Amino acid sequence: MADLSIFEQMKFETLFGMAGGYVLDFSNRSFQAFIETCTDIDVYDEKYNYYSGSKANRLRAFWKEESNYIVGKLLLDLLEYCKTKKLTSYSGIESAEQALFDECYAIADRLHQDTKLENIDVIQPYSEERDFALLAKSIRESIQKNEPETALDRLHTFVVKYFRRLCDKHGISYDKDKPLQSIFGEYVKFLKQNSIINSAMAERILKSSISVLDAFNDVRNNHSFAHDNPILNYGESMLIFGNITNLIEFIESIEGKETEKAELEEESNEDWGEIPF
């Protein structure tokens, strides 16, 4: 349930014109499509069929049923939709309405920032593979629902795909049957050999992650839905997710620097090539 007070709900209901069962200018079909596009949730599922089942009541049900993060995301998108509609109409946004809009935006942003897992945005499809995209989407949905323990097997698959992609990018050879920790070990060796990491401490932390990823194999095989297992508890699942996302965030930061460096070198070489002699 989202942490919306009765007075905060009233502000959104006023801005969205929900008194008569409506939400802005949406039809039933466009309302369903908009929410599904923004959140991958079908608001016409029976779960949200509160009272009359009107659009306004379904939105109220959404506020009650979903987490702060997902409700905040939807509200931010609805506010953007509302703003765009106003700006493209002849009426525009009046000063009093702007004040209400700003208050609602602050509330929605507060909710959206409330995620118990930092760096969740690093779970992205890092290639154009459809499977990679669906995998990342599925993992994020589990986190948004505050159910990390249900996604441990998919997180493991994601990490394997992620480090295989980096090995392919840098021409690091690996066997398809090589376990996760060995693939990561080859990648760490590449970073060290190419002076991409500079401190002994950073190298030691990364090397310690090899044993962490080795232990992740056991979690995937014996404590996740990959097999008929009793799944791991919530607290330890969050600890694992946090460790993995922090690791990926760091890797992405150094990969970004290397990409930027390569682009600058390429531009420099092109500039030299244009000088006439």
Protein backbone atom coordinates (compact mmCIF):
# COMPACT_ATOMS: atom_id res chain seq x y z
CA MET A 1 0.00 0.00 0.00
CA ALA A 2 1.35 3.42 -0.96
CA ASP A 3 1.94 5.96 1.80
CA LEU A 4 -0.61 8.51 0.61
CA SER A 5 -2.50 10.40 3.30
CA ILE A 6 -6.18 11.19 2.78
CA PHE A 7 -5.27 14.83 2.16
CA GLU A 8 -2.62 13.91 -0.42
CA GLN A 9 -5.14 11.69 -2.20
CA MET A 10 -7.59 14.59 -2.27
CA LYS A 11 -5.02 16.74 -4.05
CA PHE A 12 -4.53 14.19 -6.81
CA GLU A 13 -8.28 13.59 -7.09
CA THR A 14 -8.83 17.33 -7.55
CA LEU A 15 -6.09 17.68 -10.15
CA PHE A 16 -7.20 14.59 -12.08
CA GLY A 17 -10.93 15.44 -11.90
CA MET A 18 -11.88 12.15 -10.25
CA ALA A 19 -15.11 13.21 -8.50
CA GLY A 20 -17.40 11.75 -11.17
CA GLY A 21 -15.50 8.49 -11.59
CA TYR A 22 -13.29 9.86 -14.35
CA VAL A 23 -9.51 10.32 -14.55
CA LEU A 24 -8.49 13.27 -16.71
CA ASP A 25 -9.76 12.70 -20.27
CA PHE A 26 -9.06 8.96 -20.46
CA SER A 27 -11.51 6.49 -21.94
CA ASN A 28 -11.59 3.03 -20.37
CA ARG A 29 -9.36 1.66 -23.12
CA SER A 30 -6.84 4.52 -23.13
CA PHE A 31 -6.70 4.47 -19.31
CA GLN A 32 -5.89 0.76 -19.33
CA ALA A 33 -3.29 1.19 -22.08
CA PHE A 34 -1.61 4.16 -20.39
CA ILE A 35 -1.18 2.41 -17.04
CA GLU A 36 0.01 -0.79 -18.68
CA THR A 37 2.59 1.15 -20.71
CA CYS A 38 3.85 2.98 -17.61
CA THR A 39 3.84 0.10 -15.12
CA ASP A 40 3.25 -3.17 -17.01
CA ILE A 41 0.15 -3.62 -14.84
CA ASP A 42 -3.38 -4.23 -16.12
CA VAL A 43 -5.54 -1.92 -14.01
CA TYR A 44 -8.63 -3.80 -15.29
CA ASP A 45 -7.53 -6.93 -13.46
CA GLU A 46 -10.08 -8.03 -10.86
CA LYS A 47 -7.60 -7.02 -8.16
CA TYR A 48 -8.40 -3.33 -8.84
CA ASN A 49 -12.17 -3.72 -9.24
CA TYR A 50 -13.18 -1.56 -6.27
CA TYR A 51 -16.81 -0.51 -5.76
CA SER A 52 -18.24 0.64 -9.12
CA GLY A 53 -15.11 -0.29 -11.07
CA SER A 54 -14.88 3.21 -12.52
CA LYS A 55 -11.55 4.62 -13.67
CA ALA A 56 -11.32 6.74 -10.52
CA ASN A 57 -12.03 3.77 -8.25
CA ARG A 58 -9.51 1.63 -10.11
CA LEU A 59 -6.87 4.31 -9.62
CA ARG A 60 -7.76 4.46 -5.90
CA ALA A 61 -7.41 0.67 -5.78
CA PHE A 62 -4.02 0.95 -7.50
CA TRP A 63 -2.88 3.36 -4.77
CA LYS A 64 -3.97 0.89 -2.12
CA GLU A 65 -2.60 -2.28 -3.71
CA GLU A 66 0.78 -1.20 -5.07
CA SER A 67 4.07 -0.11 -3.52
CA ASN A 68 5.28 3.46 -3.04
CA TYR A 69 7.76 3.09 -5.90
CA ILE A 70 5.29 1.88 -8.52
CA VAL A 71 2.53 4.29 -7.43
CA GLY A 72 5.01 7.16 -7.52
CA LYS A 73 6.09 6.22 -11.03
CA LEU A 74 2.51 6.11 -12.29
CA LEU A 75 1.63 9.42 -10.62
CA LEU A 76 4.67 11.12 -12.16
CA ASP A 77 3.62 9.83 -15.59
CA LEU A 78 0.01 10.96 -15.05
CA LEU A 79 1.25 14.40 -14.00
CA GLU A 80 3.38 14.62 -17.14
CA TYR A 81 0.37 13.60 -19.23
CA CYS A 82 -1.77 16.22 -17.47
CA LYS A 83 0.85 18.92 -18.00
CA THR A 84 1.29 18.06 -21.67
CA LYS A 85 -2.45 18.16 -22.28
CA LYS A 86 -2.72 21.55 -20.62
CA LEU A 87 0.24 23.02 -22.47
CA THR A 88 -1.07 21.85 -25.84
CA SER A 89 -4.55 23.25 -25.20
CA TYR A 90 -5.65 26.86 -25.32
CA SER A 91 -6.30 26.99 -21.59
CA GLY A 92 -2.74 26.43 -20.33
CA ILE A 93 -1.99 26.02 -16.62
CA GLU A 94 -3.39 28.65 -14.27
CA SER A 95 -1.32 29.84 -11.29
CA ALA A 96 -3.52 28.17 -8.65
CA GLU A 97 -3.48 24.95 -10.65
CA GLN A 98 0.29 25.17 -11.01
CA ALA A 99 0.65 25.34 -7.22
CA LEU A 100 -1.47 22.21 -6.84
CA PHE A 101 0.50 20.51 -9.61
CA ASP A 102 3.79 21.31 -7.85
CA GLU A 103 2.49 19.88 -4.57
CA CYS A 104 1.35 16.69 -6.30
CA TYR A 105 4.67 16.37 -8.11
CA ALA A 106 6.57 16.57 -4.80
CA ILE A 107 4.35 13.83 -3.33
CA ALA A 108 4.75 11.57 -6.35
CA ASP A 109 8.51 12.09 -6.42
CA ARG A 110 8.73 11.21 -2.72
CA LEU A 111 6.91 7.94 -3.33
CA HIS A 112 9.01 7.11 -6.39
CA GLN A 113 12.22 7.62 -4.45
CA ASP A 114 11.11 5.09 -1.84
CA THR A 115 12.78 1.91 -2.97
CA LYS A 116 14.42 -0.40 -0.48
CA LEU A 117 17.09 -1.34 -3.00
CA GLU A 118 19.66 1.13 -4.25
CA ASN A 119 20.93 1.03 -7.84
CA ILE A 120 17.96 -0.99 -9.12
CA ASP A 121 18.24 1.00 -12.37
CA VAL A 122 21.45 -0.87 -13.26
CA ILE A 123 19.27 -3.91 -14.03
CA GLN A 124 18.91 -2.99 -17.69
CA PRO A 125 19.14 -4.95 -20.94
CA TYR A 126 22.75 -4.29 -21.96
CA SER A 127 22.22 -5.64 -25.46
CA GLU A 128 19.44 -5.74 -28.04
CA GLU A 129 18.58 -9.35 -27.19
CA ARG A 130 14.87 -9.66 -26.49
CA ASP A 131 15.55 -12.30 -23.82
CA PHE A 132 17.89 -9.91 -22.00
CA ALA A 133 15.26 -7.16 -22.04
CA LEU A 134 12.51 -9.46 -20.73
CA LEU A 135 14.84 -10.78 -18.05
CA ALA A 136 15.73 -7.28 -16.78
CA LYS A 137 12.08 -6.23 -16.85
CA SER A 138 11.02 -9.29 -14.84
CA ILE A 139 13.67 -8.69 -12.17
CA ARG A 140 12.76 -5.02 -11.76
CA GLU A 141 9.08 -5.94 -11.41
CA SER A 142 9.91 -8.29 -8.53
CA ILE A 143 11.86 -5.53 -6.78
CA GLN A 144 9.08 -3.00 -7.35
CA LYS A 145 6.69 -5.44 -5.71
CA ASN A 146 9.21 -5.84 -2.85
CA GLU A 147 9.61 -9.56 -3.60
CA PRO A 148 13.38 -10.01 -4.19
CA GLU A 149 13.38 -13.62 -3.05
CA THR A 150 11.24 -14.61 -6.05
CA ALA A 151 13.78 -13.27 -8.57
CA LEU A 152 17.09 -14.72 -7.35
CA ASP A 153 17.26 -17.30 -10.15
CA ARG A 154 16.61 -14.64 -12.79
CA LEU A 155 19.17 -12.31 -11.20
CA HIS A 156 21.76 -15.08 -11.49
CA THR A 157 20.93 -15.56 -15.18
CA PHE A 158 21.11 -11.80 -15.70
CA VAL A 159 24.59 -11.59 -14.13
CA VAL A 160 25.85 -14.47 -16.28
CA LYS A 161 24.55 -12.74 -19.42
CA TYR A 162 25.99 -9.41 -18.27
CA PHE A 163 29.56 -10.65 -17.75
CA ARG A 164 29.50 -12.76 -20.92
CA ARG A 165 28.56 -9.60 -22.80
CA LEU A 166 31.52 -7.73 -21.28
CA CYS A 167 33.87 -10.57 -22.20
CA ASP A 168 32.57 -10.50 -25.78
CA LYS A 169 33.03 -6.72 -25.86
CA HIS A 170 36.70 -6.93 -24.82
CA GLY A 171 37.59 -10.11 -26.72
CA ILE A 172 38.02 -12.17 -23.55
CA SER A 173 37.66 -15.86 -24.38
CA TYR A 174 35.54 -18.11 -22.18
CA ASP A 175 33.93 -21.51 -22.44
CA LYS A 176 30.13 -21.60 -22.52
CA ASP A 177 30.22 -24.11 -19.67
CA LYS A 178 32.42 -21.88 -17.53
CA PRO A 179 30.71 -20.96 -14.23
CA LEU A 180 29.81 -17.40 -13.32
CA GLN A 181 32.70 -16.80 -10.92
CA SER A 182 35.27 -17.98 -13.50
CA ILE A 183 33.87 -15.66 -16.18
CA PHE A 184 34.05 -12.77 -13.73
CA GLY A 185 37.60 -13.78 -12.74
CA GLU A 186 38.68 -13.51 -16.40
CA TYR A 187 37.12 -10.06 -16.58
CA VAL A 188 38.91 -8.88 -13.41
CA LYS A 189 42.19 -10.18 -14.83
CA PHE A 190 41.55 -8.11 -17.98
CA LEU A 191 40.93 -4.97 -15.89
CA LYS A 192 44.19 -5.47 -14.01
CA GLN A 193 46.29 -6.26 -17.08
CA ASN A 194 45.03 -3.14 -18.87
CA SER A 195 45.49 -0.84 -15.83
CA ILE A 196 41.79 -0.03 -15.77
CA ILE A 197 41.77 -0.39 -11.98
CA ASN A 198 44.56 1.39 -10.15
CA SER A 199 44.42 0.55 -6.44
CA ALA A 200 45.29 -2.71 -4.75
CA MET A 201 42.20 -2.31 -2.59
CA ALA A 202 39.84 -2.06 -5.58
CA GLU A 203 41.49 -5.16 -7.06
CA ARG A 204 41.10 -7.03 -3.77
CA ILE A 205 37.43 -6.06 -3.48
CA LEU A 206 36.77 -7.25 -7.02
CA LYS A 207 38.64 -10.50 -6.41
CA SER A 208 36.60 -11.08 -3.25
CA SER A 209 33.51 -10.82 -5.45
CA ILE A 210 34.69 -13.96 -7.26
CA SER A 211 33.97 -16.03 -4.13
CA VAL A 212 30.71 -14.12 -3.63
CA LEU A 213 29.57 -15.09 -7.14
CA ASP A 214 30.65 -18.67 -6.49
CA ALA A 215 28.32 -18.69 -3.47
CA PHE A 216 25.59 -17.18 -5.67
CA ASN A 217 25.61 -20.42 -7.67
CA ASP A 218 24.56 -22.30 -4.54
CA VAL A 219 21.79 -19.81 -3.83
CA ARG A 220 20.51 -20.14 -7.37
CA ASN A 221 20.57 -23.96 -7.30
CA ASN A 222 19.33 -24.55 -3.76
CA HIS A 223 17.46 -21.46 -2.56
CA SER A 224 15.56 -20.11 -5.58
CA PHE A 225 12.76 -21.07 -7.93
CA ALA A 226 15.32 -22.43 -10.40
CA HIS A 227 14.44 -25.80 -8.87
CA ASP A 228 11.91 -27.16 -6.40
CA ASN A 229 13.54 -25.39 -3.44
CA PRO A 230 12.50 -23.60 -0.27
CA ILE A 231 13.37 -20.04 -1.28
CA LEU A 232 15.70 -17.78 0.66
CA ASN A 233 14.33 -15.35 3.23
CA TYR A 234 13.61 -11.71 2.38
CA GLY A 235 16.52 -10.14 4.32
CA GLU A 236 19.23 -12.28 2.77
CA SER A 237 17.67 -11.87 -0.66
CA MET A 238 17.89 -8.08 -0.30
CA LEU A 239 21.51 -8.39 0.82
CA ILE A 240 22.34 -10.42 -2.30
CA PHE A 241 20.49 -8.01 -4.59
CA GLY A 242 22.27 -5.03 -3.03
CA ASN A 243 25.69 -6.61 -3.41
CA ILE A 244 25.09 -7.54 -7.05
CA THR A 245 23.66 -4.15 -8.07
CA ASN A 246 26.51 -2.29 -6.34
CA LEU A 247 29.01 -4.45 -8.22
CA ILE A 248 27.31 -3.80 -11.57
CA GLU A 249 27.10 -0.06 -10.85
CA PHE A 250 30.87 0.07 -10.29
CA ILE A 251 31.58 -2.00 -13.41
CA GLU A 252 29.31 0.26 -15.48
CA SER A 253 31.13 3.35 -14.19
CA ILE A 254 34.55 2.08 -15.30
CA GLU A 255 33.15 0.74 -18.57
CA GLY A 256 31.67 4.17 -19.25
CA LYS A 257 35.03 5.84 -18.65
CA GLU A 258 36.78 3.41 -20.98
CA THR A 259 34.19 4.00 -23.69
CA GLU A 260 34.58 7.77 -23.34
CA LYS A 261 38.38 7.44 -23.47
CA ALA A 262 38.20 5.33 -26.64
CA GLU A 263 35.87 7.83 -28.31
CA LEU A 264 38.21 10.74 -27.47
CA GLU A 265 41.18 8.82 -28.90
CA GLU A 266 39.24 8.08 -32.05
CA GLU A 267 38.28 11.74 -32.47
CA SER A 268 41.90 12.76 -31.91
CA ASN A 269 43.11 10.34 -34.59
CA GLU A 270 40.50 11.64 -37.02
CA ASP A 271 41.63 15.23 -36.36
CA TRP A 272 45.27 14.35 -37.05
CA GLY A 273 44.23 12.63 -40.26
CA GLU A 274 42.72 15.86 -41.56
CA ILE A 275 45.93 17.90 -41.26
CA PRO A 276 47.45 18.45 -44.73
CA PHE A 277 51.21 17.98 -45.21
